[in-house]
């Protein structure tokens, strides 16, 4: 397994009654995060969190802040974005994941519960995963429609099912 792009280990003992953590990725870590997430650039990546020991593990509540540049899904042009995303995670000992064949039902609150391994968490990795989930999966450059139209690419409105119906509206019935 390769080393995380941005690591910050916190142990149960360090979490204690609670402590505030503020970390910022350096240029090398930002470049590795950008490569991992398929971004053009990550020019800022910060994490602010409260980490505390909780019954059965560690609780972490905080937020990430990032300035990133994604590629437009339609034109490949750069799309700069500023993200501020909160997270609330619990890392617990003895989570029973069940067998692969067993069906598991989870609620929304269960989605933020993760296994605690070796009495420690990697807050940096949790922050990168939070960033990954916060990214727009289909970023769009503001000029994308104009650029595509200039290249002769039709819009969804021009080729979708309702466009065909609109063409039929003006024709006489046979």
N, C-alpha and C. Protein backbone atom coordinates (compact mmCIF):
# COMPACT_ATOMS: atom_id res chain seq x y z
N UNK A 1 0.84 -1.19 0.00
CA UNK A 1 0.00 0.00 0.00
C UNK A 1 0.88 1.24 0.00
N UNK A 2 0.53 2.21 -0.81
CA UNK A 2 1.33 3.44 -0.89
C UNK A 2 0.96 4.38 0.25
N UNK A 3 1.87 5.26 0.54
CA UNK A 3 1.65 6.24 1.61
C UNK A 3 0.59 7.25 1.17
N UNK A 4 -0.22 7.72 2.10
CA UNK A 4 -1.23 8.72 1.75
C UNK A 4 -0.58 10.02 1.26
N UNK A 5 -1.30 10.74 0.43
CA UNK A 5 -0.81 12.00 -0.12
C UNK A 5 -0.68 13.08 0.95
N UNK A 6 -1.51 12.98 1.98
CA UNK A 6 -1.59 14.02 3.01
C UNK A 6 -1.96 13.32 4.30
N UNK A 7 -0.98 13.04 5.14
CA UNK A 7 -1.22 12.24 6.34
C UNK A 7 -1.05 13.07 7.60
N UNK A 8 -1.94 12.86 8.54
CA UNK A 8 -1.83 13.47 9.87
C UNK A 8 -2.46 12.49 10.85
N UNK A 9 -1.63 11.75 11.55
CA UNK A 9 -2.08 10.70 12.46
C UNK A 9 -2.46 11.30 13.81
N UNK A 10 -3.60 10.84 14.35
CA UNK A 10 -4.04 11.21 15.69
C UNK A 10 -4.40 9.90 16.41
N UNK A 11 -3.83 9.70 17.60
CA UNK A 11 -4.12 8.50 18.37
C UNK A 11 -5.25 8.76 19.37
N UNK A 12 -5.82 7.69 19.88
CA UNK A 12 -6.87 7.83 20.90
C UNK A 12 -6.31 8.58 22.10
N UNK A 13 -5.10 8.27 22.50
CA UNK A 13 -4.49 8.94 23.66
C UNK A 13 -4.33 10.44 23.41
N UNK A 14 -3.93 10.81 22.20
CA UNK A 14 -3.76 12.23 21.88
C UNK A 14 -5.11 12.96 21.84
N UNK A 15 -6.15 12.25 21.41
CA UNK A 15 -7.48 12.87 21.32
C UNK A 15 -7.99 13.26 22.70
N UNK A 16 -7.78 12.39 23.69
CA UNK A 16 -8.15 12.68 25.07
C UNK A 16 -9.51 13.31 25.22
N UNK A 17 -9.57 14.38 25.98
CA UNK A 17 -10.82 15.09 26.24
C UNK A 17 -11.19 16.04 25.11
N UNK A 18 -10.34 16.13 24.14
CA UNK A 18 -10.62 16.98 22.99
C UNK A 18 -9.48 17.91 22.70
N UNK A 19 -9.20 18.07 21.44
CA UNK A 19 -8.17 19.02 21.03
C UNK A 19 -8.50 19.53 19.64
N UNK A 20 -8.13 20.77 19.41
CA UNK A 20 -8.33 21.37 18.10
C UNK A 20 -7.10 21.10 17.24
N UNK A 21 -7.35 20.78 15.98
CA UNK A 21 -6.28 20.49 15.04
C UNK A 21 -6.48 21.38 13.82
N UNK A 22 -5.43 22.04 13.40
CA UNK A 22 -5.46 22.84 12.17
C UNK A 22 -4.22 22.46 11.37
N UNK A 23 -4.45 21.96 10.15
CA UNK A 23 -3.33 21.57 9.31
C UNK A 23 -3.53 22.12 7.90
N UNK A 24 -2.42 22.32 7.22
CA UNK A 24 -2.46 22.83 5.85
C UNK A 24 -1.49 22.03 5.00
N UNK A 25 -1.96 21.62 3.83
CA UNK A 25 -1.12 20.83 2.93
C UNK A 25 -0.07 21.71 2.28
N UNK A 26 1.16 21.22 2.23
CA UNK A 26 2.22 21.95 1.53
C UNK A 26 2.10 21.70 0.03
N UNK A 27 2.96 22.35 -0.75
CA UNK A 27 2.87 22.26 -2.21
C UNK A 27 2.99 20.83 -2.71
N UNK A 28 3.89 20.05 -2.13
CA UNK A 28 4.06 18.67 -2.56
C UNK A 28 2.82 17.83 -2.30
N UNK A 29 2.24 17.97 -1.11
CA UNK A 29 1.01 17.23 -0.78
C UNK A 29 -0.13 17.66 -1.68
N UNK A 30 -0.25 18.97 -1.96
CA UNK A 30 -1.32 19.45 -2.84
C UNK A 30 -1.17 18.86 -4.24
N UNK A 31 0.06 18.77 -4.73
CA UNK A 31 0.29 18.19 -6.06
C UNK A 31 -0.09 16.72 -6.08
N UNK A 32 0.23 15.98 -5.01
CA UNK A 32 -0.12 14.55 -4.94
C UNK A 32 -1.64 14.37 -4.83
N UNK A 33 -2.30 15.25 -4.08
CA UNK A 33 -3.77 15.19 -3.97
C UNK A 33 -4.40 15.46 -5.34
N UNK A 34 -3.89 16.48 -6.04
CA UNK A 34 -4.41 16.80 -7.37
C UNK A 34 -4.27 15.61 -8.31
N UNK A 35 -3.13 14.95 -8.27
CA UNK A 35 -2.91 13.79 -9.14
C UNK A 35 -3.89 12.67 -8.78
N UNK A 36 -4.03 12.38 -7.51
CA UNK A 36 -4.94 11.31 -7.07
C UNK A 36 -6.37 11.56 -7.50
N UNK A 37 -6.82 12.81 -7.37
CA UNK A 37 -8.23 13.13 -7.63
C UNK A 37 -8.48 13.59 -9.07
N UNK A 38 -7.45 13.58 -9.91
CA UNK A 38 -7.62 13.97 -11.30
C UNK A 38 -7.90 15.45 -11.49
N UNK A 39 -7.32 16.27 -10.64
CA UNK A 39 -7.51 17.72 -10.70
C UNK A 39 -6.34 18.36 -11.43
N UNK A 40 -6.60 19.51 -12.03
CA UNK A 40 -5.52 20.27 -12.65
C UNK A 40 -4.60 20.83 -11.56
N UNK A 41 -5.21 21.34 -10.48
CA UNK A 41 -4.43 21.98 -9.43
C UNK A 41 -5.21 22.01 -8.12
N UNK A 42 -4.48 21.94 -7.03
CA UNK A 42 -5.00 22.23 -5.69
C UNK A 42 -4.08 23.31 -5.15
N UNK A 43 -4.57 24.56 -5.10
CA UNK A 43 -3.71 25.66 -4.67
C UNK A 43 -3.82 25.95 -3.17
N UNK A 44 -4.87 25.42 -2.53
CA UNK A 44 -5.04 25.57 -1.07
C UNK A 44 -5.81 24.37 -0.57
N UNK A 45 -5.34 23.79 0.56
CA UNK A 45 -6.07 22.70 1.19
C UNK A 45 -5.81 22.75 2.69
N UNK A 46 -6.85 23.09 3.44
CA UNK A 46 -6.72 23.22 4.89
C UNK A 46 -7.76 22.35 5.59
N UNK A 47 -7.42 22.00 6.82
CA UNK A 47 -8.33 21.20 7.65
C UNK A 47 -8.35 21.82 9.03
N UNK A 48 -9.55 22.03 9.54
CA UNK A 48 -9.72 22.46 10.93
C UNK A 48 -10.71 21.48 11.55
N UNK A 49 -10.33 20.90 12.70
CA UNK A 49 -11.18 19.89 13.30
C UNK A 49 -11.01 19.85 14.80
N UNK A 50 -12.04 19.36 15.46
CA UNK A 50 -11.96 19.02 16.87
C UNK A 50 -11.94 17.50 16.93
N UNK A 51 -10.91 16.98 17.58
CA UNK A 51 -10.74 15.54 17.72
C UNK A 51 -10.87 15.22 19.20
N UNK A 52 -11.69 14.21 19.52
CA UNK A 52 -11.85 13.83 20.93
C UNK A 52 -12.09 12.34 21.04
N UNK A 53 -11.68 11.81 22.19
CA UNK A 53 -11.97 10.41 22.46
C UNK A 53 -13.47 10.27 22.69
N UNK A 54 -14.04 9.21 22.17
CA UNK A 54 -15.46 8.94 22.34
C UNK A 54 -15.60 7.48 22.76
N UNK A 55 -16.74 7.13 23.31
CA UNK A 55 -16.97 5.75 23.72
C UNK A 55 -16.70 4.83 22.54
N UNK A 56 -15.70 3.98 22.68
CA UNK A 56 -15.39 3.02 21.63
C UNK A 56 -14.49 3.54 20.54
N UNK A 57 -13.93 4.75 20.67
CA UNK A 57 -13.06 5.22 19.61
C UNK A 57 -12.76 6.71 19.64
N UNK A 58 -12.82 7.32 18.47
CA UNK A 58 -12.49 8.74 18.29
C UNK A 58 -13.60 9.42 17.49
N UNK A 59 -13.99 10.61 17.92
CA UNK A 59 -14.95 11.43 17.17
C UNK A 59 -14.20 12.63 16.59
N UNK A 60 -14.51 12.96 15.35
CA UNK A 60 -13.86 14.07 14.66
C UNK A 60 -14.94 14.91 13.99
N UNK A 61 -14.93 16.21 14.28
CA UNK A 61 -15.87 17.13 13.64
C UNK A 61 -15.08 18.34 13.17
N UNK A 62 -15.29 18.70 11.90
CA UNK A 62 -14.54 19.83 11.39
C UNK A 62 -14.93 20.18 9.98
N UNK A 63 -13.99 20.80 9.26
CA UNK A 63 -14.26 21.22 7.88
C UNK A 63 -12.95 21.30 7.11
N UNK A 64 -13.08 21.11 5.80
CA UNK A 64 -11.96 21.32 4.90
C UNK A 64 -12.22 22.61 4.13
N UNK A 65 -11.15 23.24 3.70
CA UNK A 65 -11.23 24.38 2.80
C UNK A 65 -10.26 24.12 1.66
N UNK A 66 -10.70 24.35 0.44
CA UNK A 66 -9.82 24.06 -0.70
C UNK A 66 -10.12 24.98 -1.87
N UNK A 67 -9.07 25.34 -2.57
CA UNK A 67 -9.17 26.00 -3.87
C UNK A 67 -8.60 25.01 -4.87
N UNK A 68 -9.45 24.55 -5.78
CA UNK A 68 -9.05 23.54 -6.75
C UNK A 68 -9.42 23.99 -8.16
N UNK A 69 -8.79 23.35 -9.13
CA UNK A 69 -9.13 23.57 -10.53
C UNK A 69 -9.42 22.21 -11.14
N UNK A 70 -10.67 22.03 -11.60
CA UNK A 70 -11.09 20.80 -12.26
C UNK A 70 -11.12 21.02 -13.76
N UNK A 71 -11.27 19.94 -14.51
CA UNK A 71 -11.44 20.02 -15.96
C UNK A 71 -12.93 20.00 -16.28
N UNK A 72 -13.36 20.88 -17.17
CA UNK A 72 -14.75 20.91 -17.62
C UNK A 72 -15.07 19.56 -18.27
N UNK A 73 -16.20 18.98 -17.91
CA UNK A 73 -16.60 17.68 -18.43
C UNK A 73 -16.89 17.73 -19.93
N UNK A 74 -17.23 18.90 -20.44
CA UNK A 74 -17.61 19.02 -21.85
C UNK A 74 -16.47 19.53 -22.74
N UNK A 75 -15.64 20.43 -22.21
CA UNK A 75 -14.63 21.08 -23.06
C UNK A 75 -13.19 20.86 -22.62
N UNK A 76 -12.98 20.34 -21.43
CA UNK A 76 -11.66 20.13 -20.83
C UNK A 76 -11.01 21.45 -20.40
N UNK A 77 -11.75 22.56 -20.43
CA UNK A 77 -11.23 23.84 -19.97
C UNK A 77 -11.13 23.83 -18.44
N UNK A 78 -10.26 24.65 -17.86
CA UNK A 78 -10.13 24.70 -16.40
C UNK A 78 -11.35 25.35 -15.75
N UNK A 79 -11.80 24.75 -14.63
CA UNK A 79 -12.93 25.27 -13.87
C UNK A 79 -12.47 25.46 -12.42
N UNK A 80 -12.11 26.70 -12.03
CA UNK A 80 -11.68 26.94 -10.65
C UNK A 80 -12.88 26.87 -9.69
N UNK A 81 -12.65 26.29 -8.53
CA UNK A 81 -13.71 26.12 -7.54
C UNK A 81 -13.13 26.30 -6.14
N UNK A 82 -13.89 26.96 -5.28
CA UNK A 82 -13.55 27.05 -3.86
C UNK A 82 -14.54 26.18 -3.10
N UNK A 83 -14.02 25.31 -2.27
CA UNK A 83 -14.87 24.40 -1.50
C UNK A 83 -14.65 24.60 -0.01
N UNK A 84 -15.74 24.57 0.72
CA UNK A 84 -15.73 24.55 2.18
C UNK A 84 -16.73 23.49 2.57
N UNK A 85 -16.24 22.38 3.10
CA UNK A 85 -17.11 21.23 3.34
C UNK A 85 -16.89 20.71 4.76
N UNK A 86 -17.98 20.58 5.50
CA UNK A 86 -17.91 20.05 6.86
C UNK A 86 -17.91 18.53 6.87
N UNK A 87 -17.44 17.97 7.96
CA UNK A 87 -17.49 16.53 8.16
C UNK A 87 -17.68 16.23 9.64
N UNK A 88 -18.29 15.10 9.92
CA UNK A 88 -18.55 14.64 11.29
C UNK A 88 -18.39 13.13 11.25
N UNK A 89 -17.26 12.65 11.74
CA UNK A 89 -16.92 11.23 11.63
C UNK A 89 -16.72 10.59 12.99
N UNK A 90 -17.04 9.32 13.06
CA UNK A 90 -16.75 8.53 14.26
C UNK A 90 -15.98 7.30 13.83
N UNK A 91 -14.86 7.09 14.48
CA UNK A 91 -14.04 5.91 14.25
C UNK A 91 -14.21 5.02 15.48
N UNK A 92 -14.76 3.83 15.29
CA UNK A 92 -15.08 2.97 16.41
C UNK A 92 -14.35 1.63 16.32
N UNK A 93 -14.00 1.11 17.50
CA UNK A 93 -13.42 -0.23 17.59
C UNK A 93 -14.53 -1.25 17.36
N UNK A 94 -14.14 -2.42 16.95
CA UNK A 94 -15.05 -3.58 16.90
C UNK A 94 -16.29 -3.36 16.05
N UNK A 95 -16.15 -2.74 14.91
CA UNK A 95 -17.27 -2.64 13.99
C UNK A 95 -17.38 -3.97 13.27
N UNK A 96 -18.56 -4.57 13.32
CA UNK A 96 -18.77 -5.85 12.64
C UNK A 96 -19.34 -5.56 11.26
N UNK A 97 -18.53 -5.78 10.23
CA UNK A 97 -18.97 -5.51 8.87
C UNK A 97 -19.84 -6.62 8.32
N UNK A 98 -19.91 -7.76 9.01
CA UNK A 98 -20.73 -8.88 8.52
C UNK A 98 -20.04 -9.60 7.39
N UNK A 99 -20.66 -10.66 6.92
CA UNK A 99 -20.07 -11.42 5.82
C UNK A 99 -20.43 -10.76 4.49
N UNK A 100 -19.72 -11.13 3.46
CA UNK A 100 -19.93 -10.55 2.13
C UNK A 100 -21.31 -10.89 1.59
N UNK A 101 -21.87 -12.02 2.02
CA UNK A 101 -23.18 -12.45 1.50
C UNK A 101 -24.34 -11.88 2.31
N UNK A 102 -24.06 -11.36 3.48
CA UNK A 102 -25.09 -10.85 4.36
C UNK A 102 -25.52 -9.44 3.94
N UNK A 103 -26.82 -9.20 3.84
CA UNK A 103 -27.31 -7.88 3.47
C UNK A 103 -27.30 -6.99 4.70
N UNK A 104 -26.79 -5.77 4.54
CA UNK A 104 -26.68 -4.84 5.65
C UNK A 104 -27.50 -3.61 5.33
N UNK A 105 -28.34 -3.19 6.27
CA UNK A 105 -29.09 -1.95 6.10
C UNK A 105 -28.44 -0.90 6.98
N UNK A 106 -28.23 0.29 6.39
CA UNK A 106 -27.63 1.37 7.15
C UNK A 106 -28.49 2.62 7.03
N UNK A 107 -28.41 3.45 8.04
CA UNK A 107 -29.12 4.73 8.01
C UNK A 107 -28.11 5.82 7.67
N UNK A 108 -28.61 7.04 7.50
CA UNK A 108 -27.72 8.16 7.19
C UNK A 108 -26.66 8.36 8.26
N UNK A 109 -27.03 8.16 9.53
CA UNK A 109 -26.07 8.37 10.60
C UNK A 109 -24.99 7.29 10.61
N UNK A 110 -25.27 6.11 10.07
CA UNK A 110 -24.28 5.04 10.02
C UNK A 110 -23.21 5.31 8.97
N UNK A 111 -23.49 6.14 7.99
CA UNK A 111 -22.55 6.37 6.90
C UNK A 111 -21.27 7.05 7.34
N UNK A 112 -21.28 7.72 8.47
CA UNK A 112 -20.11 8.43 8.94
C UNK A 112 -19.38 7.69 10.06
N UNK A 113 -19.64 6.40 10.19
CA UNK A 113 -18.97 5.56 11.17
C UNK A 113 -17.97 4.68 10.44
N UNK A 114 -16.71 4.78 10.87
CA UNK A 114 -15.62 4.07 10.23
C UNK A 114 -14.89 3.20 11.26
N UNK A 115 -14.20 2.18 10.81
CA UNK A 115 -13.46 1.34 11.76
C UNK A 115 -12.21 2.04 12.29
N UNK A 116 -11.97 1.90 13.59
CA UNK A 116 -10.76 2.42 14.22
C UNK A 116 -9.73 1.30 14.20
N UNK A 117 -8.60 1.56 13.58
CA UNK A 117 -7.55 0.55 13.47
C UNK A 117 -6.31 1.00 14.21
N UNK A 118 -5.79 0.11 15.04
CA UNK A 118 -4.55 0.37 15.79
C UNK A 118 -4.63 1.60 16.67
N UNK A 119 -5.84 1.91 17.17
CA UNK A 119 -6.03 3.02 18.11
C UNK A 119 -5.60 4.37 17.55
N UNK A 120 -5.75 4.53 16.20
CA UNK A 120 -5.35 5.80 15.58
C UNK A 120 -6.14 6.03 14.31
N UNK A 121 -6.19 7.30 13.91
CA UNK A 121 -6.85 7.68 12.66
C UNK A 121 -5.88 8.53 11.84
N UNK A 122 -6.15 8.62 10.56
CA UNK A 122 -5.39 9.51 9.70
C UNK A 122 -6.33 10.65 9.29
N UNK A 123 -6.24 11.74 10.02
CA UNK A 123 -7.09 12.90 9.76
C UNK A 123 -6.84 13.47 8.37
N UNK A 124 -5.62 13.44 7.90
CA UNK A 124 -5.30 13.93 6.56
C UNK A 124 -6.01 13.13 5.48
N UNK A 125 -5.99 11.81 5.60
CA UNK A 125 -6.67 10.95 4.62
C UNK A 125 -8.18 11.18 4.68
N UNK A 126 -8.74 11.33 5.87
CA UNK A 126 -10.18 11.62 5.99
C UNK A 126 -10.52 12.93 5.29
N UNK A 127 -9.62 13.91 5.40
CA UNK A 127 -9.85 15.21 4.75
C UNK A 127 -9.80 15.08 3.24
N UNK A 128 -8.87 14.30 2.70
CA UNK A 128 -8.77 14.09 1.25
C UNK A 128 -10.03 13.38 0.74
N UNK A 129 -10.51 12.41 1.50
CA UNK A 129 -11.73 11.72 1.10
C UNK A 129 -12.93 12.66 1.13
N UNK A 130 -12.97 13.56 2.11
CA UNK A 130 -14.04 14.56 2.18
C UNK A 130 -13.98 15.47 0.96
N UNK A 131 -12.77 15.89 0.58
CA UNK A 131 -12.60 16.70 -0.62
C UNK A 131 -13.10 15.95 -1.85
N UNK A 132 -12.74 14.70 -1.96
CA UNK A 132 -13.14 13.89 -3.11
C UNK A 132 -14.67 13.85 -3.25
N UNK A 133 -15.36 13.70 -2.13
CA UNK A 133 -16.82 13.64 -2.15
C UNK A 133 -17.45 15.00 -2.43
N UNK A 134 -16.74 16.08 -2.11
CA UNK A 134 -17.29 17.43 -2.30
C UNK A 134 -17.13 17.95 -3.72
N UNK A 135 -16.26 17.32 -4.51
CA UNK A 135 -16.02 17.79 -5.88
C UNK A 135 -17.24 17.58 -6.76
N UNK A 136 -17.45 18.51 -7.68
CA UNK A 136 -18.52 18.38 -8.67
C UNK A 136 -18.12 17.26 -9.63
N UNK A 137 -18.95 16.22 -9.77
CA UNK A 137 -18.56 15.12 -10.65
C UNK A 137 -18.57 15.49 -12.14
N UNK A 138 -19.29 16.55 -12.51
CA UNK A 138 -19.36 17.00 -13.90
C UNK A 138 -19.22 18.52 -13.95
N UNK A 139 -18.01 19.03 -13.64
CA UNK A 139 -17.83 20.48 -13.66
C UNK A 139 -18.03 21.03 -15.06
N UNK A 140 -18.56 22.23 -15.12
CA UNK A 140 -18.88 22.83 -16.42
C UNK A 140 -18.32 24.25 -16.47
N UNK A 141 -17.53 24.53 -17.49
CA UNK A 141 -16.97 25.87 -17.69
C UNK A 141 -18.11 26.80 -18.08
N UNK A 142 -18.10 28.07 -17.63
CA UNK A 142 -19.19 29.00 -17.98
C UNK A 142 -19.39 29.20 -19.48
N UNK A 143 -18.33 29.05 -20.27
CA UNK A 143 -18.43 29.25 -21.72
C UNK A 143 -18.64 27.95 -22.49
N UNK A 144 -18.88 26.85 -21.80
CA UNK A 144 -18.95 25.54 -22.45
C UNK A 144 -20.02 25.49 -23.55
N UNK A 145 -21.21 25.98 -23.27
CA UNK A 145 -22.28 25.92 -24.28
C UNK A 145 -21.93 26.71 -25.54
N UNK A 146 -21.37 27.91 -25.35
CA UNK A 146 -20.97 28.73 -26.49
C UNK A 146 -19.88 28.05 -27.31
N UNK A 147 -18.88 27.52 -26.64
CA UNK A 147 -17.76 26.87 -27.33
C UNK A 147 -18.25 25.65 -28.10
N UNK A 148 -19.10 24.86 -27.48
CA UNK A 148 -19.62 23.66 -28.15
C UNK A 148 -20.50 24.04 -29.34
N UNK A 149 -21.31 25.09 -29.19
CA UNK A 149 -22.17 25.53 -30.29
C UNK A 149 -21.33 25.99 -31.48
N UNK A 150 -20.22 26.69 -31.21
CA UNK A 150 -19.33 27.14 -32.28
C UNK A 150 -18.71 25.96 -33.03
N UNK A 151 -18.57 24.84 -32.34
CA UNK A 151 -18.00 23.64 -32.97
C UNK A 151 -19.08 22.76 -33.59
N UNK A 152 -20.33 23.22 -33.55
CA UNK A 152 -21.42 22.47 -34.18
C UNK A 152 -22.04 21.40 -33.31
N UNK A 153 -21.71 21.37 -32.03
CA UNK A 153 -22.29 20.38 -31.12
C UNK A 153 -23.66 20.89 -30.67
N UNK A 154 -24.67 20.06 -30.82
CA UNK A 154 -26.02 20.44 -30.43
C UNK A 154 -26.21 20.32 -28.92
N UNK A 155 -27.07 21.18 -28.37
CA UNK A 155 -27.35 21.14 -26.94
C UNK A 155 -28.34 20.02 -26.64
N UNK A 156 -28.50 19.72 -25.35
CA UNK A 156 -29.47 18.69 -24.95
C UNK A 156 -30.88 19.06 -25.40
N UNK A 157 -31.22 20.35 -25.33
CA UNK A 157 -32.54 20.79 -25.73
C UNK A 157 -32.79 20.55 -27.22
N UNK A 158 -31.73 20.64 -28.01
CA UNK A 158 -31.85 20.47 -29.47
C UNK A 158 -31.93 19.00 -29.89
N UNK A 159 -31.44 18.09 -29.08
CA UNK A 159 -31.43 16.68 -29.48
C UNK A 159 -32.23 15.78 -28.55
N UNK A 160 -32.75 16.30 -27.46
CA UNK A 160 -33.47 15.48 -26.49
C UNK A 160 -34.85 15.07 -26.99
N UNK A 161 -35.55 14.26 -26.22
CA UNK A 161 -36.86 13.76 -26.63
C UNK A 161 -37.89 14.86 -26.84
N UNK A 162 -37.80 15.94 -26.10
CA UNK A 162 -38.78 17.01 -26.26
C UNK A 162 -38.52 17.83 -27.52
N UNK A 163 -37.26 17.83 -28.00
CA UNK A 163 -36.96 18.52 -29.26
C UNK A 163 -37.68 17.84 -30.41
N UNK A 164 -37.72 16.52 -30.41
CA UNK A 164 -38.43 15.78 -31.45
C UNK A 164 -39.92 16.07 -31.40
N UNK A 165 -40.48 16.16 -30.21
CA UNK A 165 -41.90 16.48 -30.07
C UNK A 165 -42.21 17.89 -30.55
N UNK A 166 -41.29 18.83 -30.27
CA UNK A 166 -41.49 20.22 -30.68
C UNK A 166 -41.50 20.33 -32.21
N UNK A 167 -40.68 19.53 -32.88
CA UNK A 167 -40.66 19.53 -34.36
C UNK A 167 -41.99 19.01 -34.91
N UNK A 168 -42.57 18.03 -34.22
CA UNK A 168 -43.84 17.46 -34.68
C UNK A 168 -45.01 18.40 -34.48
N UNK A 169 -44.91 19.28 -33.52
CA UNK A 169 -46.02 20.18 -33.18
C UNK A 169 -46.43 21.05 -34.37
N UNK A 170 -45.47 21.47 -35.17
CA UNK A 170 -45.78 22.35 -36.30
C UNK A 170 -46.19 21.63 -37.57
N UNK A 171 -46.15 20.31 -37.62
CA UNK A 171 -46.48 19.56 -38.84
C UNK A 171 -47.96 19.20 -38.87
N UNK A 172 -48.60 19.27 -40.06
CA UNK A 172 -50.02 18.85 -40.17
C UNK A 172 -50.12 17.34 -40.03
N UNK A 173 -51.28 16.91 -39.52
CA UNK A 173 -51.51 15.46 -39.34
C UNK A 173 -51.76 14.82 -40.69
N UNK A 174 -51.30 13.59 -40.84
CA UNK A 174 -51.47 12.86 -42.10
C UNK A 174 -52.78 12.09 -42.13
